[in-house]
Amino acid sequence: MIAPWTALWERNIFAIWLPWLGNAMSSRHVQGAVTGVGLITVLAGLRDLTGAFFSRSTAAPSPPDNPTPAP
């Protein structure tokens, strides 16, 4: 999310090797799109993480499928 707005983004080896890619990466539209995808990924990860925590804490243990009869 933050990388497109840092110096790391401009000193990319792929941008140096492929000038057309460097030109595309310098576009504010591309930087904004990468930031948007990063934000969506972070939000989806947080949603999955909170869902995993809440489902684990509220789920009751299930009974065994085939209980063995007592002797």
PDB file of N, CA and C in Angstrom:
ATOM      1  N   MET A   1       0.811  -1.182   0.000  1.00  0.00           N
ATOM      2  CA  MET A   1       0.000   0.000   0.000  1.00  0.00           C
ATOM      3  C   MET A   1       0.862   1.256   0.000  1.00  0.00           C
ATOM      4  N   ILE A   2       1.962   1.211   0.679  1.00  0.00           N
ATOM      5  CA  ILE A   2       2.794   2.398   0.843  1.00  0.00           C
ATOM      6  C   ILE A   2       3.907   2.456  -0.208  1.00  0.00           C
ATOM      7  N   ALA A   3       4.305   1.326  -0.714  1.00  0.00           N
ATOM      8  CA  ALA A   3       5.458   1.259  -1.619  1.00  0.00           C
ATOM      9  C   ALA A   3       5.365   2.181  -2.838  1.00  0.00           C
ATOM     10  N   PRO A   4       4.212   2.344  -3.484  1.00  0.00           N
ATOM     11  CA  PRO A   4       4.186   3.224  -4.657  1.00  0.00           C
ATOM     12  C   PRO A   4       4.520   4.687  -4.357  1.00  0.00           C
ATOM     13  N   TRP A   5       4.501   5.075  -3.113  1.00  0.00           N
ATOM     14  CA  TRP A   5       4.734   6.473  -2.759  1.00  0.00           C
ATOM     15  C   TRP A   5       6.119   6.680  -2.134  1.00  0.00           C
ATOM     16  N   THR A   6       6.971   5.655  -2.208  1.00  0.00           N
ATOM     17  CA  THR A   6       8.314   5.769  -1.654  1.00  0.00           C
ATOM     18  C   THR A   6       9.352   5.771  -2.773  1.00  0.00           C
ATOM     19  N   ALA A   7      10.592   6.033  -2.397  1.00  0.00           N
ATOM     20  CA  ALA A   7      11.687   6.022  -3.373  1.00  0.00           C
ATOM     21  C   ALA A   7      11.953   4.608  -3.882  1.00  0.00           C
ATOM     22  N   LEU A   8      11.594   3.611  -3.102  1.00  0.00           N
ATOM     23  CA  LEU A   8      11.761   2.218  -3.527  1.00  0.00           C
ATOM     24  C   LEU A   8      11.029   1.948  -4.839  1.00  0.00           C
ATOM     25  N   TRP A   9       9.896   2.563  -5.021  1.00  0.00           N
ATOM     26  CA  TRP A   9       9.080   2.370  -6.225  1.00  0.00           C
ATOM     27  C   TRP A   9       9.804   2.903  -7.463  1.00  0.00           C
ATOM     28  N   GLU A  10      10.520   3.985  -7.305  1.00  0.00           N
ATOM     29  CA  GLU A  10      11.203   4.607  -8.449  1.00  0.00           C
ATOM     30  C   GLU A  10      12.523   3.921  -8.768  1.00  0.00           C
ATOM     31  N   ARG A  11      13.145   3.275  -7.798  1.00  0.00           N
ATOM     32  CA  ARG A  11      14.426   2.589  -8.024  1.00  0.00           C
ATOM     33  C   ARG A  11      14.211   1.089  -8.157  1.00  0.00           C
ATOM     34  N   ASN A  12      13.276   0.704  -8.972  1.00  0.00           N
ATOM     35  CA  ASN A  12      12.913  -0.692  -9.182  1.00  0.00           C
ATOM     36  C   ASN A  12      13.727  -1.247 -10.348  1.00  0.00           C
ATOM     37  N   ILE A  13      14.282  -2.419 -10.194  1.00  0.00           N
ATOM     38  CA  ILE A  13      15.123  -3.017 -11.239  1.00  0.00           C
ATOM     39  C   ILE A  13      14.310  -3.317 -12.502  1.00  0.00           C
ATOM     40  N   PHE A  14      13.046  -3.670 -12.338  1.00  0.00           N
ATOM     41  CA  PHE A  14      12.207  -3.957 -13.506  1.00  0.00           C
ATOM     42  C   PHE A  14      11.936  -2.685 -14.303  1.00  0.00           C
ATOM     43  N   ALA A  15      11.781  -1.575 -13.615  1.00  0.00           N
ATOM     44  CA  ALA A  15      11.560  -0.303 -14.293  1.00  0.00           C
ATOM     45  C   ALA A  15      12.804   0.136 -15.053  1.00  0.00           C
ATOM     46  N   ILE A  16      13.967  -0.245 -14.551  1.00  0.00           N
ATOM     47  CA  ILE A  16      15.213   0.098 -15.244  1.00  0.00           C
ATOM     48  C   ILE A  16      15.392  -0.781 -16.473  1.00  0.00           C
ATOM     49  N   TRP A  17      15.107  -2.071 -16.353  1.00  0.00           N
ATOM     50  CA  TRP A  17      15.265  -2.999 -17.478  1.00  0.00           C
ATOM     51  C   TRP A  17      14.239  -2.775 -18.573  1.00  0.00           C
ATOM     52  N   LEU A  18      13.027  -2.442 -18.181  1.00  0.00           N
ATOM     53  CA  LEU A  18      11.946  -2.256 -19.143  1.00  0.00           C
ATOM     54  C   LEU A  18      11.441  -0.815 -19.061  1.00  0.00           C
ATOM     55  N   PRO A  19      11.914   0.046 -19.949  1.00  0.00           N
ATOM     56  CA  PRO A  19      11.547   1.465 -19.866  1.00  0.00           C
ATOM     57  C   PRO A  19      10.028   1.699 -19.940  1.00  0.00           C
ATOM     58  N   TRP A  20       9.310   0.909 -20.728  1.00  0.00           N
ATOM     59  CA  TRP A  20       7.861   1.106 -20.816  1.00  0.00           C
ATOM     60  C   TRP A  20       7.185   0.811 -19.481  1.00  0.00           C
ATOM     61  N   LEU A  21       7.732  -0.138 -18.735  1.00  0.00           N
ATOM     62  CA  LEU A  21       7.189  -0.438 -17.418  1.00  0.00           C
ATOM     63  C   LEU A  21       7.502   0.699 -16.444  1.00  0.00           C
ATOM     64  N   GLY A  22       8.684   1.273 -16.563  1.00  0.00           N
ATOM     65  CA  GLY A  22       9.046   2.412 -15.729  1.00  0.00           C
ATOM     66  C   GLY A  22       8.131   3.597 -15.976  1.00  0.00           C
ATOM     67  N   ASN A  23       7.791   3.815 -17.248  1.00  0.00           N
ATOM     68  CA  ASN A  23       6.864   4.907 -17.570  1.00  0.00           C
ATOM     69  C   ASN A  23       5.481   4.641 -16.989  1.00  0.00           C
ATOM     70  N   ALA A  24       5.022   3.411 -17.065  1.00  0.00           N
ATOM     71  CA  ALA A  24       3.708   3.070 -16.509  1.00  0.00           C
ATOM     72  C   ALA A  24       3.718   3.187 -14.990  1.00  0.00           C
ATOM     73  N   MET A  25       4.809   2.760 -14.359  1.00  0.00           N
ATOM     74  CA  MET A  25       4.882   2.804 -12.901  1.00  0.00           C
ATOM     75  C   MET A  25       4.966   4.224 -12.360  1.00  0.00           C
ATOM     76  N   SER A  26       5.425   5.152 -13.165  1.00  0.00           N
ATOM     77  CA  SER A  26       5.513   6.537 -12.703  1.00  0.00           C
ATOM     78  C   SER A  26       4.170   7.257 -12.782  1.00  0.00           C
ATOM     79  N   SER A  27       3.184   6.623 -13.378  1.00  0.00           N
ATOM     80  CA  SER A  27       1.850   7.218 -13.480  1.00  0.00           C
ATOM     81  C   SER A  27       1.167   7.224 -12.109  1.00  0.00           C
ATOM     82  N   ARG A  28       0.573   8.330 -11.759  1.00  0.00           N
ATOM     83  CA  ARG A  28      -0.156   8.427 -10.485  1.00  0.00           C
ATOM     84  C   ARG A  28      -1.365   7.495 -10.479  1.00  0.00           C
ATOM     85  N   HIS A  29      -1.914   7.221 -11.655  1.00  0.00           N
ATOM     86  CA  HIS A  29      -3.053   6.298 -11.736  1.00  0.00           C
ATOM     87  C   HIS A  29      -2.633   4.880 -11.345  1.00  0.00           C
ATOM     88  N   VAL A  30      -1.470   4.459 -11.818  1.00  0.00           N
ATOM     89  CA  VAL A  30      -0.970   3.125 -11.474  1.00  0.00           C
ATOM     90  C   VAL A  30      -0.628   3.060  -9.991  1.00  0.00           C
ATOM     91  N   GLN A  31      -0.001   4.097  -9.475  1.00  0.00           N
ATOM     92  CA  GLN A  31       0.331   4.128  -8.052  1.00  0.00           C
ATOM     93  C   GLN A  31      -0.940   4.073  -7.197  1.00  0.00           C
ATOM     94  N   GLY A  32      -1.966   4.801  -7.605  1.00  0.00           N
ATOM     95  CA  GLY A  32      -3.232   4.766  -6.877  1.00  0.00           C
ATOM     96  C   GLY A  32      -3.908   3.403  -6.965  1.00  0.00           C
ATOM     97  N   ALA A  33      -3.826   2.768  -8.130  1.00  0.00           N
ATOM     98  CA  ALA A  33      -4.429   1.445  -8.285  1.00  0.00           C
ATOM     99  C   ALA A  33      -3.729   0.412  -7.408  1.00  0.00           C
ATOM    100  N   VAL A  34      -2.408   0.464  -7.356  1.00  0.00           N
ATOM    101  CA  VAL A  34      -1.656  -0.471  -6.511  1.00  0.00           C
ATOM    102  C   VAL A  34      -1.984  -0.232  -5.038  1.00  0.00           C
ATOM    103  N   THR A  35      -2.102   1.032  -4.653  1.00  0.00           N
ATOM    104  CA  THR A  35      -2.482   1.354  -3.277  1.00  0.00           C
ATOM    105  C   THR A  35      -3.883   0.829  -2.973  1.00  0.00           C
ATOM    106  N   GLY A  36      -4.811   0.987  -3.911  1.00  0.00           N
ATOM    107  CA  GLY A  36      -6.177   0.488  -3.717  1.00  0.00           C
ATOM    108  C   GLY A  36      -6.228  -1.018  -3.572  1.00  0.00           C
ATOM    109  N   VAL A  37      -5.481  -1.723  -4.399  1.00  0.00           N
ATOM    110  CA  VAL A  37      -5.438  -3.187  -4.294  1.00  0.00           C
ATOM    111  C   VAL A  37      -4.820  -3.602  -2.960  1.00  0.00           C
ATOM    112  N   GLY A  38      -3.794  -2.895  -2.528  1.00  0.00           N
ATOM    113  CA  GLY A  38      -3.192  -3.195  -1.226  1.00  0.00           C
ATOM    114  C   GLY A  38      -4.157  -2.956  -0.085  1.00  0.00           C
ATOM    115  N   LEU A  39      -4.932  -1.877  -0.156  1.00  0.00           N
ATOM    116  CA  LEU A  39      -5.916  -1.580   0.880  1.00  0.00           C
ATOM    117  C   LEU A  39      -7.006  -2.646   0.927  1.00  0.00           C
ATOM    118  N   ILE A  40      -7.475  -3.064  -0.224  1.00  0.00           N
ATOM    119  CA  ILE A  40      -8.498  -4.117  -0.285  1.00  0.00           C
ATOM    120  C   ILE A  40      -7.940  -5.421   0.288  1.00  0.00           C
ATOM    121  N   THR A  41      -6.693  -5.742  -0.020  1.00  0.00           N
ATOM    122  CA  THR A  41      -6.073  -6.958   0.497  1.00  0.00           C
ATOM    123  C   THR A  41      -5.943  -6.914   2.014  1.00  0.00           C
ATOM    124  N   VAL A  42      -5.546  -5.765   2.551  1.00  0.00           N
ATOM    125  CA  VAL A  42      -5.425  -5.628   4.005  1.00  0.00           C
ATOM    126  C   VAL A  42      -6.787  -5.771   4.670  1.00  0.00           C
ATOM    127  N   LEU A  43      -7.796  -5.126   4.123  1.00  0.00           N
ATOM    128  CA  LEU A  43      -9.142  -5.216   4.712  1.00  0.00           C
ATOM    129  C   LEU A  43      -9.700  -6.638   4.643  1.00  0.00           C
ATOM    130  N   ALA A  44      -9.472  -7.325   3.533  1.00  0.00           N
ATOM    131  CA  ALA A  44      -9.939  -8.707   3.409  1.00  0.00           C
ATOM    132  C   ALA A  44      -9.211  -9.614   4.398  1.00  0.00           C
ATOM    133  N   GLY A  45      -7.922  -9.392   4.578  1.00  0.00           N
ATOM    134  CA  GLY A  45      -7.169 -10.190   5.547  1.00  0.00           C
ATOM    135  C   GLY A  45      -7.649  -9.958   6.966  1.00  0.00           C
ATOM    136  N   LEU A  46      -7.925  -8.701   7.314  1.00  0.00           N
ATOM    137  CA  LEU A  46      -8.450  -8.407   8.648  1.00  0.00           C
ATOM    138  C   LEU A  46      -9.827  -9.027   8.856  1.00  0.00           C
ATOM    139  N   ARG A  47     -10.664  -8.985   7.826  1.00  0.00           N
ATOM    140  CA  ARG A  47     -11.989  -9.598   7.929  1.00  0.00           C
ATOM    141  C   ARG A  47     -11.870 -11.108   8.144  1.00  0.00           C
ATOM    142  N   ASP A  48     -11.002 -11.754   7.405  1.00  0.00           N
ATOM    143  CA  ASP A  48     -10.806 -13.199   7.571  1.00  0.00           C
ATOM    144  C   ASP A  48     -10.234 -13.522   8.948  1.00  0.00           C
ATOM    145  N   LEU A  49      -9.321 -12.697   9.408  1.00  0.00           N
ATOM    146  CA  LEU A  49      -8.693 -12.934  10.697  1.00  0.00           C
ATOM    147  C   LEU A  49      -9.702 -12.778  11.836  1.00  0.00           C
ATOM    148  N   THR A  50     -10.504 -11.727  11.796  1.00  0.00           N
ATOM    149  CA  THR A  50     -11.510 -11.556  12.848  1.00  0.00           C
ATOM    150  C   THR A  50     -12.568 -12.647  12.762  1.00  0.00           C
ATOM    151  N   GLY A  51     -12.921 -13.053  11.554  1.00  0.00           N
ATOM    152  CA  GLY A  51     -13.872 -14.154  11.403  1.00  0.00           C
ATOM    153  C   GLY A  51     -13.340 -15.446  11.981  1.00  0.00           C
ATOM    154  N   ALA A  52     -12.057 -15.694  11.802  1.00  0.00           N
ATOM    155  CA  ALA A  52     -11.456 -16.914  12.347  1.00  0.00           C
ATOM    156  C   ALA A  52     -11.430 -16.878  13.868  1.00  0.00           C
ATOM    157  N   PHE A  53     -11.121 -15.718  14.440  1.00  0.00           N
ATOM    158  CA  PHE A  53     -11.089 -15.614  15.897  1.00  0.00           C
ATOM    159  C   PHE A  53     -12.480 -15.759  16.506  1.00  0.00           C
ATOM    160  N   PHE A  54     -13.480 -15.107  15.904  1.00  0.00           N
ATOM    161  CA  PHE A  54     -14.821 -15.175  16.464  1.00  0.00           C
ATOM    162  C   PHE A  54     -15.462 -16.541  16.282  1.00  0.00           C
ATOM    163  N   SER A  55     -15.193 -17.203  15.165  1.00  0.00           N
ATOM    164  CA  SER A  55     -15.776 -18.531  14.966  1.00  0.00           C
ATOM    165  C   SER A  55     -15.135 -19.555  15.891  1.00  0.00           C
ATOM    166  N   ARG A  56     -13.882 -19.364  16.212  1.00  0.00           N
ATOM    167  CA  ARG A  56     -13.189 -20.287  17.105  1.00  0.00           C
ATOM    168  C   ARG A  56     -13.684 -20.118  18.542  1.00  0.00           C
ATOM    169  N   SER A  57     -13.971 -18.905  18.956  1.00  0.00           N
ATOM    170  CA  SER A  57     -14.343 -18.674  20.346  1.00  0.00           C
ATOM    171  C   SER A  57     -15.813 -18.969  20.626  1.00  0.00           C
ATOM    172  N   THR A  58     -16.686 -18.935  19.624  1.00  0.00           N
ATOM    173  CA  THR A  58     -18.110 -19.146  19.864  1.00  0.00           C
ATOM    174  C   THR A  58     -18.601 -20.523  19.449  1.00  0.00           C
ATOM    175  N   ALA A  59     -17.799 -21.289  18.780  1.00  0.00           N
ATOM    176  CA  ALA A  59     -18.235 -22.609  18.310  1.00  0.00           C
ATOM    177  C   ALA A  59     -18.215 -23.614  19.457  1.00  0.00           C
ATOM    178  N   ALA A  60     -19.333 -24.309  19.629  1.00  0.00           N
ATOM    179  CA  ALA A  60     -19.412 -25.352  20.649  1.00  0.00           C
ATOM    180  C   ALA A  60     -18.829 -26.639  20.076  1.00  0.00           C
ATOM    181  N   PRO A  61     -18.210 -27.452  20.897  1.00  0.00           N
ATOM    182  CA  PRO A  61     -17.673 -28.713  20.381  1.00  0.00           C
ATOM    183  C   PRO A  61     -18.806 -29.621  19.921  1.00  0.00           C
ATOM    184  N   SER A  62     -18.579 -30.286  18.819  1.00  0.00           N
ATOM    185  CA  SER A  62     -19.606 -31.178  18.287  1.00  0.00           C
ATOM    186  C   SER A  62     -19.481 -32.558  18.930  1.00  0.00           C
ATOM    187  N   PRO A  63     -20.622 -33.226  19.107  1.00  0.00           N
ATOM    188  CA  PRO A  63     -20.574 -34.567  19.692  1.00  0.00           C
ATOM    189  C   PRO A  63     -19.954 -35.557  18.709  1.00  0.00           C
ATOM    190  N   PRO A  64     -19.428 -36.651  19.185  1.00  0.00           N
ATOM    191  CA  PRO A  64     -18.841 -37.653  18.285  1.00  0.00           C
ATOM    192  C   PRO A  64     -19.924 -38.251  17.392  1.00  0.00           C
ATOM    193  N   ASP A  65     -19.517 -38.711  16.213  1.00  0.00           N
ATOM    194  CA  ASP A  65     -20.458 -39.279  15.250  1.00  0.00           C
ATOM    195  C   ASP A  65     -21.040 -40.612  15.720  1.00  0.00           C
ATOM    196  N   ASN A  66     -20.204 -41.491  16.214  1.00  0.00           N
ATOM    197  CA  ASN A  66     -20.653 -42.816  16.647  1.00  0.00           C
ATOM    198  C   ASN A  66     -20.246 -43.025  18.113  1.00  0.00           C
ATOM    199  N   PRO A  67     -21.087 -42.619  19.039  1.00  0.00           N
ATOM    200  CA  PRO A  67     -20.694 -42.834  20.434  1.00  0.00           C
ATOM    201  C   PRO A  67     -20.706 -44.330  20.772  1.00  0.00           C
ATOM    202  N   THR A  68     -19.753 -44.734  21.569  1.00  0.00           N
ATOM    203  CA  THR A  68     -19.690 -46.136  21.968  1.00  0.00           C
ATOM    204  C   THR A  68     -20.610 -46.334  23.182  1.00  0.00           C
ATOM    205  N   PRO A  69     -21.389 -47.425  23.206  1.00  0.00           N
ATOM    206  CA  PRO A  69     -22.298 -47.671  24.329  1.00  0.00           C
ATOM    207  C   PRO A  69     -21.502 -48.022  25.590  1.00  0.00           C
ATOM    208  N   ALA A  70     -22.019 -47.583  26.707  1.00  0.00           N
ATOM    209  CA  ALA A  70     -21.379 -47.901  27.997  1.00  0.00           C
ATOM    210  C   ALA A  70     -21.637 -49.354  28.347  1.00  0.00           C
ATOM    211  N   PRO A  71     -20.679 -50.070  28.945  1.00  0.00           N
ATOM    212  CA  PRO A  71     -20.900 -51.490  29.293  1.00  0.00           C
ATOM    213  C   PRO A  71     -21.768 -51.681  30.495  1.00  0.00           C
TER     214      PRO A  71
END
